[in-house]
């Protein structure tokens, strides 16, 4: 069983910068990191033309002297425009083009609108683009954020939101930074239809007061996709739904603290639903020490460690209706030794498990693993070069039901811990087809001690077996 160390967010290796290019219309002059240089882009930005005239009632950035495409620091002009939007209660329309800024203060009760894919606020001198503190009812629409080849250091981000509520980001872009894209602390916010590309972490939430992350596109992040964390265990209630997440690496190393598409840590009552996740160094969804997590209807492919993880002091995980296609381990519900128990694992498809993990050599192949007070019912498991389903590890087994599952083309159909002090397990109504070695076995840790547990069940008082079909 894997242990997780305290997370140490490391910055992306400098070599990443040489590999990345901003999308059309968002190219950033890297020379601006060290001082002004003539931008390659004094030409009009590519893409759709800006509107001929601002909408009625809008302030415009040009009224405040904002010059898109200039490599000068325009923080003062942009801040003046932000403050006017707040004071006058009028929305602000920013022009298309690169606008170099640093340490802006995003105001409360303001609506700031850019031209999607064209308006880009670029952080200068490794500083954040800006922060929103105690910002109530702040709306950002179609605004891009970038840092070129640099980015804020440490735990900073391109945009930071703290102690705020009613924050809405829609159709914004966060691209190309060694830092996180969006960092939220003690805030209630909605992040919808945004793009996050070539960052350290896309969205990093600490101590949420109500976070919705929906329908975003996240790709090519060095250490994580969406992180929902709390300093201490407690209610969180974030909803992460309908996002497309791909290309999540673990440049910071570790054995699971990096490399996850969606990571929930100490945050209770979180829903992770309907996401499409592909190509991660570790897990598609990783729940650590959280209560009442609901992980449902996610499509998870090409994972290089365990596809869906519920670990450490979790309780009350519901894992249902997910697809895990390609992983070193399919679904793991573990760590009874840390208080991890109470889960439902039902209606999932787990298939095409790999023989080993390139990112965590401690992982051995399996379809579904469960330890305590857990039902594993109605799942379909196929193509596993190890056990299709495992109940327990040594004495870490208590009250597990494995019923009505279909297991095909696994090395072993079902494995059950039968060591002294292993708790109760019931195995009933499963269909096991094409098991290459054994159908149902008794295990002492990793070792098979009873190759036909159905025949020998009377020897093990913790095991009840009946009505399974082996073909």
Protein backbone atom coordinates (compact mmCIF):
# COMPACT_ATOMS: atom_id res chain seq x y z
CA UNK A 1 0.00 0.00 0.00
CA UNK A 2 1.32 3.35 -1.01
CA UNK A 3 2.02 6.12 1.43
CA UNK A 4 1.71 9.74 0.45
CA UNK A 5 4.21 12.35 1.51
CA UNK A 6 3.46 15.98 2.19
CA UNK A 7 3.22 17.67 -1.14
CA UNK A 8 6.12 19.75 -2.34
CA UNK A 9 5.00 21.76 -5.41
CA UNK A 10 8.06 22.06 -7.62
CA UNK A 11 8.37 24.39 -10.53
CA UNK A 12 8.41 22.98 -14.02
CA UNK A 13 11.85 22.24 -15.44
CA UNK A 14 13.14 25.04 -17.61
CA UNK A 15 13.26 22.74 -20.59
CA UNK A 16 9.49 22.81 -20.79
CA UNK A 17 9.61 26.37 -22.00
CA UNK A 18 11.55 25.35 -25.09
CA UNK A 19 8.84 22.91 -26.06
CA UNK A 20 5.74 25.07 -25.80
CA UNK A 21 4.14 27.63 -28.07
CA UNK A 22 1.15 29.78 -27.26
CA UNK A 23 -1.98 29.20 -29.33
CA UNK A 24 -2.56 31.53 -32.30
CA UNK A 25 -3.46 35.00 -31.14
CA UNK A 26 -1.80 34.45 -27.75
CA UNK A 27 1.93 34.33 -28.60
CA UNK A 28 4.01 36.00 -25.91
CA UNK A 29 7.30 37.77 -26.49
CA UNK A 30 9.70 35.82 -24.28
CA UNK A 31 12.15 38.71 -24.43
CA UNK A 32 9.81 40.68 -22.20
CA UNK A 33 10.89 38.53 -19.25
CA UNK A 34 14.21 40.33 -19.08
CA UNK A 35 13.14 43.72 -20.36
CA UNK A 36 11.30 45.34 -23.25
CA UNK A 37 11.96 44.04 -26.71
CA UNK A 38 10.24 44.72 -29.98
CA UNK A 39 7.39 42.29 -30.16
CA UNK A 40 7.21 40.06 -33.14
CA UNK A 41 3.57 40.87 -32.85
CA UNK A 42 3.08 44.48 -33.75
CA UNK A 43 0.80 42.94 -36.41
CA UNK A 44 -2.90 42.58 -35.63
CA UNK A 45 -3.56 39.35 -33.73
CA UNK A 46 -4.80 36.36 -35.64
CA UNK A 47 -8.34 35.15 -35.28
CA UNK A 48 -11.75 36.78 -35.40
CA UNK A 49 -11.84 40.56 -35.70
CA UNK A 50 -12.85 42.52 -32.60
CA UNK A 51 -16.28 44.12 -32.55
CA UNK A 52 -16.53 47.36 -34.50
CA UNK A 53 -17.78 49.23 -31.45
CA UNK A 54 -18.08 48.47 -27.73
CA UNK A 55 -21.40 47.42 -26.33
CA UNK A 56 -23.60 50.12 -24.92
CA UNK A 57 -22.57 51.14 -21.44
CA UNK A 58 -19.09 49.57 -21.65
CA UNK A 59 -15.94 51.29 -20.65
CA UNK A 60 -13.09 50.54 -23.05
CA UNK A 61 -9.48 49.86 -22.18
CA UNK A 62 -8.22 52.34 -24.75
CA UNK A 63 -9.98 55.17 -22.86
CA UNK A 64 -7.41 54.59 -20.09
CA UNK A 65 -4.37 54.47 -22.37
CA UNK A 66 -4.02 50.69 -22.70
CA UNK A 67 -1.97 49.96 -25.84
CA UNK A 68 -2.25 46.32 -26.89
CA UNK A 69 0.92 44.85 -28.36
CA UNK A 70 3.26 47.19 -26.50
CA UNK A 71 5.95 45.57 -24.37
CA UNK A 72 5.78 48.41 -21.84
CA UNK A 73 4.41 47.66 -18.39
CA UNK A 74 0.79 48.81 -18.57
CA UNK A 75 -0.20 47.91 -15.03
CA UNK A 76 -1.11 51.49 -14.08
CA UNK A 77 -3.43 51.99 -17.05
CA UNK A 78 -5.12 48.61 -16.58
CA UNK A 79 -5.55 49.19 -12.86
CA UNK A 80 -7.15 52.55 -13.53
CA UNK A 81 -9.59 50.89 -15.91
CA UNK A 82 -10.41 48.19 -13.34
CA UNK A 83 -11.02 50.77 -10.62
CA UNK A 84 -13.29 52.82 -12.88
CA UNK A 85 -15.33 49.74 -13.76
CA UNK A 86 -15.83 49.10 -10.05
CA UNK A 87 -16.60 52.68 -9.11
CA UNK A 88 -18.96 53.40 -12.01
CA UNK A 89 -20.65 50.01 -12.02
CA UNK A 90 -20.00 49.61 -15.75
CA UNK A 91 -18.46 46.63 -17.54
CA UNK A 92 -14.96 47.04 -18.96
CA UNK A 93 -14.03 45.84 -22.46
CA UNK A 94 -10.31 45.12 -22.85
CA UNK A 95 -8.77 45.32 -26.33
CA UNK A 96 -7.35 42.40 -28.28
CA UNK A 97 -3.60 41.84 -28.03
CA UNK A 98 -0.88 41.28 -25.44
CA UNK A 99 -1.00 43.58 -22.43
CA UNK A 100 2.02 43.31 -20.10
CA UNK A 101 1.10 43.80 -16.45
CA UNK A 102 1.95 42.67 -12.92
CA UNK A 103 0.31 42.52 -9.50
CA UNK A 104 -3.04 43.91 -10.56
CA UNK A 105 -5.80 44.16 -7.96
CA UNK A 106 -9.02 42.77 -9.42
CA UNK A 107 -11.88 44.67 -7.79
CA UNK A 108 -15.18 43.54 -6.34
CA UNK A 109 -18.44 44.03 -8.22
CA UNK A 110 -16.82 44.35 -11.61
CA UNK A 111 -17.29 42.76 -15.00
CA UNK A 112 -14.15 42.58 -17.13
CA UNK A 113 -14.55 41.34 -20.69
CA UNK A 114 -11.85 40.41 -23.18
CA UNK A 115 -11.95 39.07 -26.71
CA UNK A 116 -11.54 35.29 -26.35
CA UNK A 117 -8.23 33.99 -27.62
CA UNK A 118 -6.96 37.50 -28.31
CA UNK A 119 -6.95 39.56 -25.12
CA UNK A 120 -3.99 38.34 -23.06
CA UNK A 121 -2.77 39.78 -19.76
CA UNK A 122 0.90 38.77 -19.59
CA UNK A 123 2.68 38.74 -16.23
CA UNK A 124 6.00 40.58 -16.15
CA UNK A 125 9.14 39.87 -14.14
CA UNK A 126 7.86 36.57 -12.67
CA UNK A 127 5.02 38.31 -10.85
CA UNK A 128 1.38 37.19 -10.94
CA UNK A 129 -0.88 38.95 -13.36
CA UNK A 130 -2.98 39.86 -10.37
CA UNK A 131 -5.00 38.97 -7.30
CA UNK A 132 -8.61 39.29 -6.23
CA UNK A 133 -9.00 39.66 -2.46
CA UNK A 134 -12.40 39.95 -0.76
CA UNK A 135 -13.81 40.37 -4.24
CA UNK A 136 -17.58 39.89 -4.28
CA UNK A 137 -19.34 39.40 -7.62
CA UNK A 138 -16.30 39.63 -9.86
CA UNK A 139 -16.87 38.42 -13.45
CA UNK A 140 -14.09 37.75 -15.95
CA UNK A 141 -15.12 36.76 -19.48
CA UNK A 142 -12.86 35.97 -22.42
CA UNK A 143 -9.68 37.17 -20.71
CA UNK A 144 -6.36 35.40 -21.29
CA UNK A 145 -3.59 35.00 -18.69
CA UNK A 146 0.01 34.02 -19.44
CA UNK A 147 3.59 34.40 -18.26
CA UNK A 148 5.54 33.54 -21.38
CA UNK A 149 8.37 31.21 -20.48
CA UNK A 150 8.53 32.23 -16.81
CA UNK A 151 5.92 32.56 -14.13
CA UNK A 152 5.47 33.38 -10.46
CA UNK A 153 7.62 31.35 -8.10
CA UNK A 154 6.74 29.04 -5.24
CA UNK A 155 3.03 28.54 -4.57
CA UNK A 156 1.97 31.53 -6.68
CA UNK A 157 -0.25 31.54 -9.77
CA UNK A 158 -1.10 33.70 -12.76
CA UNK A 159 -4.36 34.71 -11.07
CA UNK A 160 -4.96 34.40 -7.34
CA UNK A 161 -8.38 34.66 -5.66
CA UNK A 162 -8.63 34.88 -1.88
CA UNK A 163 -11.47 35.36 0.61
CA UNK A 164 -13.89 36.04 -2.21
CA UNK A 165 -17.37 34.95 -3.25
CA UNK A 166 -19.55 35.16 -6.33
CA UNK A 167 -16.49 34.98 -8.61
CA UNK A 168 -17.20 33.81 -12.17
CA UNK A 169 -14.59 33.02 -14.80
CA UNK A 170 -15.95 32.05 -18.19
CA UNK A 171 -14.24 31.45 -21.53
CA UNK A 172 -10.89 32.57 -20.10
CA UNK A 173 -7.50 31.15 -21.06
CA UNK A 174 -4.57 30.33 -18.76
CA UNK A 175 -1.53 29.29 -20.76
CA UNK A 176 2.22 28.89 -20.70
CA UNK A 177 3.56 29.40 -17.19
CA UNK A 178 5.85 27.56 -14.80
CA UNK A 179 3.30 28.35 -12.09
CA UNK A 180 -0.28 27.31 -11.53
CA UNK A 181 -2.91 28.95 -13.69
CA UNK A 182 -5.54 29.74 -11.06
CA UNK A 183 -5.10 29.62 -7.28
CA UNK A 184 -8.11 29.99 -4.98
CA UNK A 185 -8.05 30.32 -1.20
CA UNK A 186 -11.14 30.39 1.02
CA UNK A 187 -13.33 31.39 -1.90
CA UNK A 188 -16.57 30.56 -3.68
CA UNK A 189 -16.17 30.61 -7.44
CA UNK A 190 -17.36 29.15 -10.74
CA UNK A 191 -14.81 28.33 -13.43
CA UNK A 192 -16.57 27.39 -16.67
CA UNK A 193 -15.63 26.85 -20.31
CA UNK A 194 -12.02 27.95 -19.74
CA UNK A 195 -8.79 26.65 -21.26
CA UNK A 196 -5.73 25.71 -19.18
CA UNK A 197 -2.63 24.65 -21.11
CA UNK A 198 1.09 24.22 -20.36
CA UNK A 199 1.06 25.11 -16.67
CA UNK A 200 2.29 23.53 -13.44
CA UNK A 201 -1.25 22.96 -12.07
CA UNK A 202 -4.38 24.20 -13.81
CA UNK A 203 -6.72 24.94 -10.87
CA UNK A 204 -5.55 24.76 -7.25
CA UNK A 205 -8.23 25.33 -4.59
CA UNK A 206 -7.49 25.60 -0.86
CA UNK A 207 -10.35 25.61 1.66
CA UNK A 208 -13.13 26.21 -0.83
CA UNK A 209 -16.37 27.85 0.26
CA UNK A 210 -18.21 26.53 -2.78
CA UNK A 211 -16.32 25.81 -5.99
CA UNK A 212 -17.73 24.72 -9.35
CA UNK A 213 -15.25 23.67 -12.04
CA UNK A 214 -17.18 22.66 -15.14
CA UNK A 215 -16.69 22.15 -18.87
CA UNK A 216 -13.06 23.30 -18.95
CA UNK A 217 -10.26 22.08 -21.20
CA UNK A 218 -7.05 21.22 -19.34
CA UNK A 219 -3.90 19.91 -21.02
CA UNK A 220 -0.13 19.55 -20.73
CA UNK A 221 0.32 20.36 -17.03
CA UNK A 222 3.57 19.47 -15.32
CA UNK A 223 2.18 18.30 -11.96
CA UNK A 224 -1.61 18.35 -11.72
CA UNK A 225 -4.94 19.21 -13.27
CA UNK A 226 -7.60 20.18 -10.70
CA UNK A 227 -6.62 20.08 -7.01
CA UNK A 228 -9.29 20.46 -4.31
CA UNK A 229 -7.48 20.63 -0.96
CA UNK A 230 -8.12 21.69 2.60
CA UNK A 231 -5.65 22.46 5.37
CA UNK A 232 -7.76 20.37 7.77
CA UNK A 233 -10.45 17.80 6.96
CA UNK A 234 -13.85 19.39 6.63
CA UNK A 235 -16.86 20.21 4.45
CA UNK A 236 -15.97 21.53 1.02
CA UNK A 237 -18.75 20.68 -1.43
CA UNK A 238 -16.86 21.42 -4.63
CA UNK A 239 -18.30 20.12 -7.90
CA UNK A 240 -15.93 19.09 -10.69
CA UNK A 241 -17.92 18.11 -13.76
CA UNK A 242 -17.71 17.78 -17.51
CA UNK A 243 -14.05 18.74 -17.85
CA UNK A 244 -11.62 17.35 -20.43
CA UNK A 245 -8.23 16.73 -18.82
CA UNK A 246 -5.19 15.27 -20.60
CA UNK A 247 -1.41 15.20 -20.51
CA UNK A 248 -0.84 15.45 -16.74
CA UNK A 249 2.74 14.68 -15.72
CA UNK A 250 4.51 14.28 -12.38
CA UNK A 251 7.58 16.45 -12.89
CA UNK A 252 7.73 17.07 -9.13
CA UNK A 253 8.15 13.35 -8.46
CA UNK A 254 6.67 11.49 -5.51
CA UNK A 255 4.42 8.45 -5.25
CA UNK A 256 1.06 10.03 -5.95
CA UNK A 257 1.09 13.64 -4.78
CA UNK A 258 1.72 14.78 -8.36
CA UNK A 259 0.54 13.56 -11.73
CA UNK A 260 -3.22 13.35 -11.08
CA UNK A 261 -5.93 14.83 -13.25
CA UNK A 262 -8.27 15.45 -10.27
CA UNK A 263 -6.99 15.25 -6.69
CA UNK A 264 -9.22 15.71 -3.64
CA UNK A 265 -7.37 16.01 -0.31
CA UNK A 266 -9.15 16.36 3.06
CA UNK A 267 -12.11 17.96 1.28
CA UNK A 268 -15.49 16.42 2.15
CA UNK A 269 -18.69 16.16 0.09
CA UNK A 270 -17.00 16.65 -3.28
CA UNK A 271 -18.59 15.47 -6.54
CA UNK A 272 -16.37 14.43 -9.45
CA UNK A 273 -18.70 13.64 -12.32
CA UNK A 274 -18.72 13.19 -16.08
CA UNK A 275 -15.11 14.17 -16.75
CA UNK A 276 -13.11 12.82 -19.71
CA UNK A 277 -9.54 12.13 -18.58
CA UNK A 278 -6.61 10.80 -20.60
CA UNK A 279 -2.84 10.40 -20.36
CA UNK A 280 -1.78 10.95 -16.73
CA UNK A 281 1.40 9.86 -14.95
CA UNK A 282 -0.64 8.79 -11.92
CA UNK A 283 -4.42 8.75 -11.38
CA UNK A 284 -7.42 10.12 -13.20
CA UNK A 285 -9.19 10.73 -9.86
CA UNK A 286 -7.41 10.48 -6.50
CA UNK A 287 -9.35 10.88 -3.25
CA UNK A 288 -7.16 11.21 -0.14
CA UNK A 289 -8.56 11.48 3.39
CA UNK A 290 -11.93 12.84 2.26
CA UNK A 291 -15.47 11.98 3.36
CA UNK A 292 -18.46 11.39 1.12
CA UNK A 293 -16.72 11.74 -2.22
CA UNK A 294 -18.86 10.87 -5.23
CA UNK A 295 -16.87 9.72 -8.28
CA UNK A 296 -19.31 8.87 -11.03
CA UNK A 297 -19.57 8.64 -14.76
CA UNK A 298 -15.97 9.57 -15.56
CA UNK A 299 -14.15 8.18 -18.62
CA UNK A 300 -10.51 7.52 -17.72
CA UNK A 301 -7.96 6.26 -20.24
CA UNK A 302 -4.21 5.79 -20.48
CA UNK A 303 -3.26 6.14 -16.83
CA UNK A 304 0.24 5.13 -15.79
CA UNK A 305 -0.63 4.25 -12.19
CA UNK A 306 -3.98 3.49 -10.47
CA UNK A 307 -6.93 4.84 -12.46
CA UNK A 308 -9.25 5.78 -9.55
CA UNK A 309 -7.95 5.89 -5.99
CA UNK A 310 -9.75 6.26 -2.66
CA UNK A 311 -7.03 6.16 -0.03
CA UNK A 312 -5.91 6.94 3.51
CA UNK A 313 -8.52 8.26 5.96
CA UNK A 314 -11.39 8.41 3.47
CA UNK A 315 -14.94 7.37 4.39
CA UNK A 316 -18.09 7.14 2.33
CA UNK A 317 -16.72 7.03 -1.22
CA UNK A 318 -19.17 6.25 -4.02
CA UNK A 319 -17.40 5.04 -7.18
CA UNK A 320 -19.97 4.26 -9.83
CA UNK A 321 -20.45 4.15 -13.57
CA UNK A 322 -16.86 5.00 -14.45
CA UNK A 323 -14.73 3.62 -17.28
CA UNK A 324 -11.06 2.87 -16.61
CA UNK A 325 -9.47 1.70 -19.85
CA UNK A 326 -5.69 1.38 -19.59
CA UNK A 327 -3.99 1.71 -16.18
CA UNK A 328 -1.48 -0.15 -14.00
CA UNK A 329 -4.28 -0.73 -11.44
CA UNK A 330 -7.94 -0.07 -12.11
CA UNK A 331 -9.75 1.08 -8.93
CA UNK A 332 -8.23 0.99 -5.44
CA UNK A 333 -10.21 1.45 -2.20
CA UNK A 334 -7.54 1.09 0.44
CA UNK A 335 -5.79 2.01 3.71
CA UNK A 336 -7.90 0.42 6.43
CA UNK A 337 -4.74 0.89 8.53
CA UNK A 338 -5.26 4.67 8.20
CA UNK A 339 -9.01 4.56 8.82
CA UNK A 340 -10.00 4.19 5.18
CA UNK A 341 -13.37 2.42 4.94
CA UNK A 342 -16.98 2.54 3.75
CA UNK A 343 -17.36 2.61 0.00
CA UNK A 344 -19.56 1.50 -2.86
CA UNK A 345 -17.94 0.37 -6.11
CA UNK A 346 -20.61 -0.44 -8.64
CA UNK A 347 -21.32 -0.41 -12.36
CA UNK A 348 -17.77 0.40 -13.41
CA UNK A 349 -15.90 -0.94 -16.45
CA UNK A 350 -12.23 -1.70 -15.85
CA UNK A 351 -10.14 -3.15 -18.67
CA UNK A 352 -6.76 -3.31 -20.38
CA UNK A 353 -4.63 -3.20 -17.26
CA UNK A 354 -0.89 -3.03 -17.91
CA UNK A 355 1.68 -5.41 -16.45
CA UNK A 356 3.50 -2.66 -14.54
CA UNK A 357 3.54 1.05 -13.79
CA UNK A 358 6.27 3.21 -15.36
CA UNK A 359 5.79 5.86 -12.65
CA UNK A 360 5.33 3.75 -9.50
CA UNK A 361 7.14 0.39 -9.44
CA UNK A 362 5.28 -0.62 -6.25
CA UNK A 363 2.00 -1.07 -8.14
CA UNK A 364 1.18 -4.62 -9.24
CA UNK A 365 -1.61 -5.18 -11.78
CA UNK A 366 -5.22 -5.67 -10.65
CA UNK A 367 -8.69 -4.62 -11.73
CA UNK A 368 -10.44 -3.59 -8.48
CA UNK A 369 -9.05 -3.68 -4.94
CA UNK A 370 -11.10 -3.18 -1.75
CA UNK A 371 -10.38 -3.50 1.98
CA UNK A 372 -13.08 -2.45 4.41
CA UNK A 373 -16.86 -2.07 4.66
CA UNK A 374 -17.11 -1.97 0.90
CA UNK A 375 -19.43 -3.47 -1.70
CA UNK A 376 -17.98 -4.35 -5.12
CA UNK A 377 -21.12 -5.13 -7.09
CA UNK A 378 -22.06 -5.25 -10.76
CA UNK A 379 -18.71 -4.25 -12.27
CA UNK A 380 -17.22 -5.53 -15.52
CA UNK A 381 -13.50 -6.30 -15.42
CA UNK A 382 -11.53 -7.50 -18.43
CA UNK A 383 -7.96 -8.07 -19.62
CA UNK A 384 -5.95 -7.99 -16.38
CA UNK A 385 -2.49 -9.61 -16.07
CA UNK A 386 -3.22 -10.23 -12.37
CA UNK A 387 -6.36 -10.61 -10.20
CA UNK A 388 -9.55 -9.13 -11.60
CA UNK A 389 -10.79 -8.26 -8.08
CA UNK A 390 -8.92 -8.45 -4.76
CA UNK A 391 -10.37 -8.32 -1.24
CA UNK A 392 -7.85 -7.29 1.41
CA UNK A 393 -4.14 -7.43 2.00
CA UNK A 394 -2.94 -9.50 4.94
CA UNK A 395 -5.07 -8.59 7.99
CA UNK A 396 -6.38 -5.45 6.27
CA UNK A 397 -9.76 -6.85 5.33
CA UNK A 398 -13.15 -6.19 6.94
CA UNK A 399 -16.68 -6.69 5.65
CA UNK A 400 -16.28 -6.76 1.87
CA UNK A 401 -18.93 -8.06 -0.55
CA UNK A 402 -17.91 -9.06 -4.10
CA UNK A 403 -21.08 -9.91 -5.98
CA UNK A 404 -22.56 -10.08 -9.48
CA UNK A 405 -19.41 -8.95 -11.25
CA UNK A 406 -18.28 -10.16 -14.67
CA UNK A 407 -14.54 -10.90 -14.85
CA UNK A 408 -12.99 -12.04 -18.11
CA UNK A 409 -9.47 -12.68 -19.38
CA UNK A 410 -7.74 -12.05 -16.07
CA UNK A 411 -4.79 -14.06 -14.80
CA UNK A 412 -6.85 -14.79 -11.64
CA UNK A 413 -10.53 -14.04 -11.25
CA UNK A 414 -10.80 -13.09 -7.56
CA UNK A 415 -8.22 -13.06 -4.77
CA UNK A 416 -9.14 -12.97 -1.06
CA UNK A 417 -6.90 -12.51 1.96
CA UNK A 418 -7.18 -15.54 4.27
CA UNK A 419 -4.47 -14.77 6.84
CA UNK A 420 -5.19 -14.72 10.55
CA UNK A 421 -7.24 -11.70 11.63
CA UNK A 422 -8.54 -11.06 8.11
CA UNK A 423 -12.17 -9.98 8.34
CA UNK A 424 -15.33 -11.17 6.68
CA UNK A 425 -15.78 -11.34 2.93
CA UNK A 426 -18.68 -12.62 0.83
CA UNK A 427 -18.20 -13.74 -2.79
CA UNK A 428 -21.41 -14.57 -4.62
CA UNK A 429 -22.99 -14.53 -8.04
CA UNK A 430 -19.88 -13.58 -10.00
CA UNK A 431 -19.16 -14.82 -13.50
CA UNK A 432 -15.47 -15.58 -14.14
CA UNK A 433 -14.50 -16.35 -17.72
CA UNK A 434 -11.15 -17.26 -19.20
CA UNK A 435 -9.06 -17.02 -16.01
CA UNK A 436 -5.56 -17.99 -17.07
CA UNK A 437 -4.33 -19.34 -13.72
CA UNK A 438 -7.10 -19.59 -11.12
CA UNK A 439 -10.74 -18.61 -10.63
CA UNK A 440 -10.93 -17.73 -6.89
CA UNK A 441 -7.84 -17.97 -4.69
CA UNK A 442 -6.88 -17.45 -1.05
CA UNK A 443 -3.97 -15.09 -0.48
CA UNK A 444 -1.44 -14.61 2.30
CA UNK A 445 -0.29 -11.14 1.36
CA UNK A 446 0.78 -11.60 -2.29
CA UNK A 447 1.25 -15.38 -2.09
CA UNK A 448 -1.44 -17.80 -3.30
CA UNK A 449 -2.00 -20.29 -0.46
CA UNK A 450 -5.28 -21.77 -1.67
CA UNK A 451 -5.61 -22.04 -5.46
CA UNK A 452 -9.27 -23.11 -5.24
CA UNK A 453 -10.89 -21.13 -2.47
CA UNK A 454 -14.38 -22.24 -3.45
CA UNK A 455 -13.41 -25.84 -2.64
CA UNK A 456 -11.51 -24.90 0.54
CA UNK A 457 -13.80 -22.17 1.92
CA UNK A 458 -14.70 -24.27 4.97
CA UNK A 459 -11.11 -23.90 6.18
CA UNK A 460 -11.45 -20.12 6.38
CA UNK A 461 -14.21 -18.83 8.67
CA UNK A 462 -13.93 -15.28 7.32
CA UNK A 463 -14.95 -16.38 3.80
CA UNK A 464 -18.46 -17.08 2.43
CA UNK A 465 -18.64 -18.24 -1.19
CA UNK A 466 -21.62 -19.30 -3.28
CA UNK A 467 -23.31 -19.30 -6.68
CA UNK A 468 -20.31 -18.18 -8.71
CA UNK A 469 -19.99 -19.30 -12.32
CA UNK A 470 -16.60 -20.24 -13.75
CA UNK A 471 -16.27 -20.83 -17.50
